[in-house]
């Protein structure tokens, strides 16, 4: 029996809540070292590309249990502000337990209905989450509302689009959560008012950088 969109949404959220406590171990722990440095080189590359700077206000969309937190805080320092947003409450609970810095705000919401103020963030990061957006067009509209004119929206994965889609197809809870092909992705971003400045789709690394047009 075919699931409705609402059923897919709830099943997706249940999946992430069920795996929240072990998420970092599942995807980021190196079996040899026993620590979460499996993607150390990938994170180094990712953050060498991101235009983060001291004092930035950053929205980490679909933050999960907070794998990006140390990297972002290192760059924005204590003068910046980091919003950790996720629609799975257990993910946020784990994230909050791991990261107690005073300049983090935890927000329970999905990307489509993110309750942040207009023009409040310099950078919006969508790391390993874009395929899971329930309504991608609405999500981008909301994220662009939050983004300051001239601000940057980043979409990234540690896999190619093809690899991400094949991986999701193997998991019933997220089997319908696909990363659009390049033409469609460019169209979504452009229609949202974003100018694409970088688009990489390689084996093991996917990265889009885009800038919001000014008023």
Protein backbone atom coordinates (compact mmCIF):
# COMPACT_ATOMS: atom_id res chain seq x y z
CA UNK A 1 0.00 0.00 0.00
CA UNK A 2 1.41 3.38 -1.04
CA UNK A 3 2.24 5.76 1.81
CA UNK A 4 0.89 9.28 1.84
CA UNK A 5 3.25 12.24 2.16
CA UNK A 6 2.24 12.65 5.80
CA UNK A 7 2.98 8.99 6.50
CA UNK A 8 6.41 9.33 4.87
CA UNK A 9 7.09 12.42 6.98
CA UNK A 10 6.25 10.70 10.26
CA UNK A 11 8.12 7.52 9.34
CA UNK A 12 11.18 9.60 8.46
CA UNK A 13 11.05 11.45 11.79
CA UNK A 14 10.59 8.19 13.71
CA UNK A 15 13.63 6.74 11.93
CA UNK A 16 15.88 9.63 12.94
CA UNK A 17 14.59 9.65 16.51
CA UNK A 18 15.20 5.92 16.86
CA UNK A 19 18.82 6.25 15.70
CA UNK A 20 19.72 9.56 17.37
CA UNK A 21 21.87 8.23 20.19
CA UNK A 22 24.03 6.13 17.87
CA UNK A 23 24.04 8.42 14.83
CA UNK A 24 27.60 9.71 15.22
CA UNK A 25 28.92 6.19 15.83
CA UNK A 26 27.00 4.83 12.83
CA UNK A 27 28.33 7.30 10.26
CA UNK A 28 31.39 9.08 11.63
CA UNK A 29 33.29 6.67 13.88
CA UNK A 30 36.44 5.11 12.46
CA UNK A 31 36.47 1.40 13.27
CA UNK A 32 40.25 1.46 13.65
CA UNK A 33 40.71 4.54 15.84
CA UNK A 34 37.40 4.21 17.68
CA UNK A 35 36.80 7.97 17.43
CA UNK A 36 34.62 10.02 15.11
CA UNK A 37 37.34 10.97 12.64
CA UNK A 38 36.27 8.76 9.74
CA UNK A 39 35.59 11.81 7.57
CA UNK A 40 38.31 14.08 8.93
CA UNK A 41 39.70 14.89 5.47
CA UNK A 42 36.22 15.44 4.07
CA UNK A 43 35.36 17.89 6.86
CA UNK A 44 38.68 19.67 6.30
CA UNK A 45 37.83 20.07 2.62
CA UNK A 46 34.25 21.13 3.32
CA UNK A 47 35.17 23.85 5.78
CA UNK A 48 38.01 25.09 3.59
CA UNK A 49 35.33 25.88 0.99
CA UNK A 50 32.75 27.45 3.28
CA UNK A 51 32.94 31.25 3.63
CA UNK A 52 32.56 31.22 7.43
CA UNK A 53 34.08 34.06 9.41
CA UNK A 54 34.30 35.38 12.95
CA UNK A 55 30.99 36.68 14.26
CA UNK A 56 28.78 35.00 11.66
CA UNK A 57 25.25 33.88 12.52
CA UNK A 58 24.85 30.37 11.13
CA UNK A 59 21.85 28.07 10.68
CA UNK A 60 22.75 24.36 10.67
CA UNK A 61 19.68 22.77 9.06
CA UNK A 62 18.94 19.12 9.80
CA UNK A 63 21.74 19.27 12.33
CA UNK A 64 21.15 15.80 13.72
CA UNK A 65 23.24 15.20 16.81
CA UNK A 66 25.58 18.08 15.99
CA UNK A 67 28.46 16.70 13.95
CA UNK A 68 29.16 20.16 12.48
CA UNK A 69 29.11 22.08 15.77
CA UNK A 70 32.85 22.00 16.64
CA UNK A 71 33.85 23.00 13.10
CA UNK A 72 31.41 25.91 12.93
CA UNK A 73 32.15 27.25 16.42
CA UNK A 74 35.89 27.16 15.75
CA UNK A 75 35.36 29.54 12.85
CA UNK A 76 32.66 31.90 14.08
CA UNK A 77 34.16 31.99 17.62
CA UNK A 78 32.21 33.06 20.70
CA UNK A 79 31.16 36.29 18.96
CA UNK A 80 29.06 34.34 16.45
CA UNK A 81 25.78 32.52 16.91
CA UNK A 82 24.87 29.00 15.82
CA UNK A 83 21.30 27.76 15.37
CA UNK A 84 20.98 23.96 15.51
CA UNK A 85 17.70 23.03 13.81
CA UNK A 86 16.17 19.58 13.43
CA UNK A 87 12.68 18.09 13.21
CA UNK A 88 13.64 15.01 15.28
CA UNK A 89 13.47 15.86 18.98
CA UNK A 90 15.80 13.06 20.06
CA UNK A 91 18.49 14.32 17.69
CA UNK A 92 18.32 17.74 19.31
CA UNK A 93 18.41 16.21 22.80
CA UNK A 94 21.62 14.34 21.96
CA UNK A 95 23.07 17.46 20.33
CA UNK A 96 22.25 19.57 23.39
CA UNK A 97 23.85 16.98 25.66
CA UNK A 98 27.09 17.07 23.69
CA UNK A 99 27.32 20.82 23.13
CA UNK A 100 26.69 23.30 25.92
CA UNK A 101 28.27 26.43 24.49
CA UNK A 102 26.43 29.65 25.30
CA UNK A 103 26.22 30.79 21.67
CA UNK A 104 24.17 27.81 20.44
CA UNK A 105 20.38 27.93 20.08
CA UNK A 106 18.48 24.66 19.61
CA UNK A 107 15.38 24.83 17.43
CA UNK A 108 12.86 21.99 16.99
CA UNK A 109 11.33 22.46 13.55
CA UNK A 110 11.60 21.29 9.98
CA UNK A 111 13.27 23.37 7.30
CA UNK A 112 9.96 24.31 5.71
CA UNK A 113 8.74 25.99 8.90
CA UNK A 114 11.97 27.20 10.50
CA UNK A 115 10.88 29.96 12.94
CA UNK A 116 13.95 32.19 12.71
CA UNK A 117 13.64 35.90 11.94
CA UNK A 118 13.99 37.37 8.47
CA UNK A 119 17.55 38.27 7.40
CA UNK A 120 18.98 36.78 10.60
CA UNK A 121 21.74 34.48 9.28
CA UNK A 122 24.89 35.01 7.26
CA UNK A 123 25.16 31.36 6.26
CA UNK A 124 22.67 28.48 6.05
CA UNK A 125 24.24 25.01 5.92
CA UNK A 126 22.29 21.99 4.68
CA UNK A 127 24.71 19.15 5.39
CA UNK A 128 23.52 15.63 4.66
CA UNK A 129 19.86 16.63 4.89
CA UNK A 130 18.53 18.17 1.66
CA UNK A 131 16.96 14.93 0.32
CA UNK A 132 14.90 14.68 3.51
CA UNK A 133 13.15 18.02 3.09
CA UNK A 134 9.42 17.31 2.90
CA UNK A 135 8.81 20.16 0.44
CA UNK A 136 12.07 21.31 -1.13
CA UNK A 137 10.67 24.44 -2.77
CA UNK A 138 9.02 25.61 0.44
CA UNK A 139 12.15 24.79 2.43
CA UNK A 140 14.33 26.89 0.16
CA UNK A 141 11.84 29.76 0.29
CA UNK A 142 11.96 29.68 4.09
CA UNK A 143 15.74 29.40 4.27
CA UNK A 144 16.17 32.31 1.85
CA UNK A 145 13.84 34.40 4.03
CA UNK A 146 16.13 33.72 6.99
CA UNK A 147 19.29 34.39 4.99
CA UNK A 148 20.65 37.93 4.79
CA UNK A 149 20.92 39.45 1.28
CA UNK A 150 24.36 38.45 0.03
CA UNK A 151 24.43 35.53 2.46
CA UNK A 152 25.40 32.00 1.51
CA UNK A 153 23.43 28.77 1.35
CA UNK A 154 25.50 25.57 1.31
CA UNK A 155 24.32 22.06 0.38
CA UNK A 156 26.75 19.21 0.98
CA UNK A 157 27.12 15.44 1.36
CA UNK A 158 30.02 13.08 1.68
CA UNK A 159 28.84 11.13 -1.36
CA UNK A 160 27.81 11.85 -4.91
CA UNK A 161 24.15 12.47 -5.73
CA UNK A 162 24.01 9.02 -7.31
CA UNK A 163 25.55 7.44 -4.20
CA UNK A 164 23.16 9.25 -1.85
CA UNK A 165 20.10 8.19 -3.84
CA UNK A 166 21.19 4.56 -4.05
CA UNK A 167 21.87 4.53 -0.31
CA UNK A 168 18.45 5.97 0.53
CA UNK A 169 16.69 3.50 -1.75
CA UNK A 170 18.06 0.69 0.42
CA UNK A 171 16.35 2.06 3.57
CA UNK A 172 12.56 1.82 3.72
CA UNK A 173 12.13 4.87 5.98
CA UNK A 174 13.90 7.24 3.55
CA UNK A 175 13.59 5.37 0.25
CA UNK A 176 11.72 8.29 -1.34
CA UNK A 177 14.22 10.94 -0.15
CA UNK A 178 16.26 11.73 -3.24
CA UNK A 179 18.76 14.43 -4.11
CA UNK A 180 17.55 16.05 -7.35
CA UNK A 181 19.69 15.75 -10.48
CA UNK A 182 21.94 18.70 -11.33
CA UNK A 183 19.52 20.39 -13.73
CA UNK A 184 16.66 20.17 -11.24
CA UNK A 185 18.86 21.26 -8.35
CA UNK A 186 20.12 24.28 -10.22
CA UNK A 187 16.53 25.16 -11.08
CA UNK A 188 15.36 24.91 -7.47
CA UNK A 189 18.14 27.16 -6.21
CA UNK A 190 17.82 29.71 -9.01
CA UNK A 191 14.04 29.92 -8.61
CA UNK A 192 14.55 30.59 -4.89
CA UNK A 193 16.62 33.67 -5.74
CA UNK A 194 20.04 32.10 -5.26
CA UNK A 195 23.07 32.44 -7.51
CA UNK A 196 25.17 29.27 -7.66
CA UNK A 197 28.87 29.95 -7.26
CA UNK A 198 30.16 26.38 -6.92
CA UNK A 199 28.68 22.99 -7.86
CA UNK A 200 30.66 19.78 -7.25
CA UNK A 201 29.25 16.28 -7.63
CA UNK A 202 32.07 13.80 -7.21
CA UNK A 203 32.40 10.31 -5.84
CA UNK A 204 32.58 10.89 -2.09
CA UNK A 205 31.90 14.62 -2.16
CA UNK A 206 28.93 16.81 -3.10
CA UNK A 207 29.03 20.56 -2.57
CA UNK A 208 26.95 23.50 -3.72
CA UNK A 209 27.63 27.07 -2.68
CA UNK A 210 25.05 29.73 -3.55
CA UNK A 211 24.50 33.37 -2.71
CA UNK A 212 21.22 35.17 -2.06
CA UNK A 213 20.59 38.12 -4.33
CA UNK A 214 20.46 41.53 -2.72
CA UNK A 215 17.28 43.61 -2.34
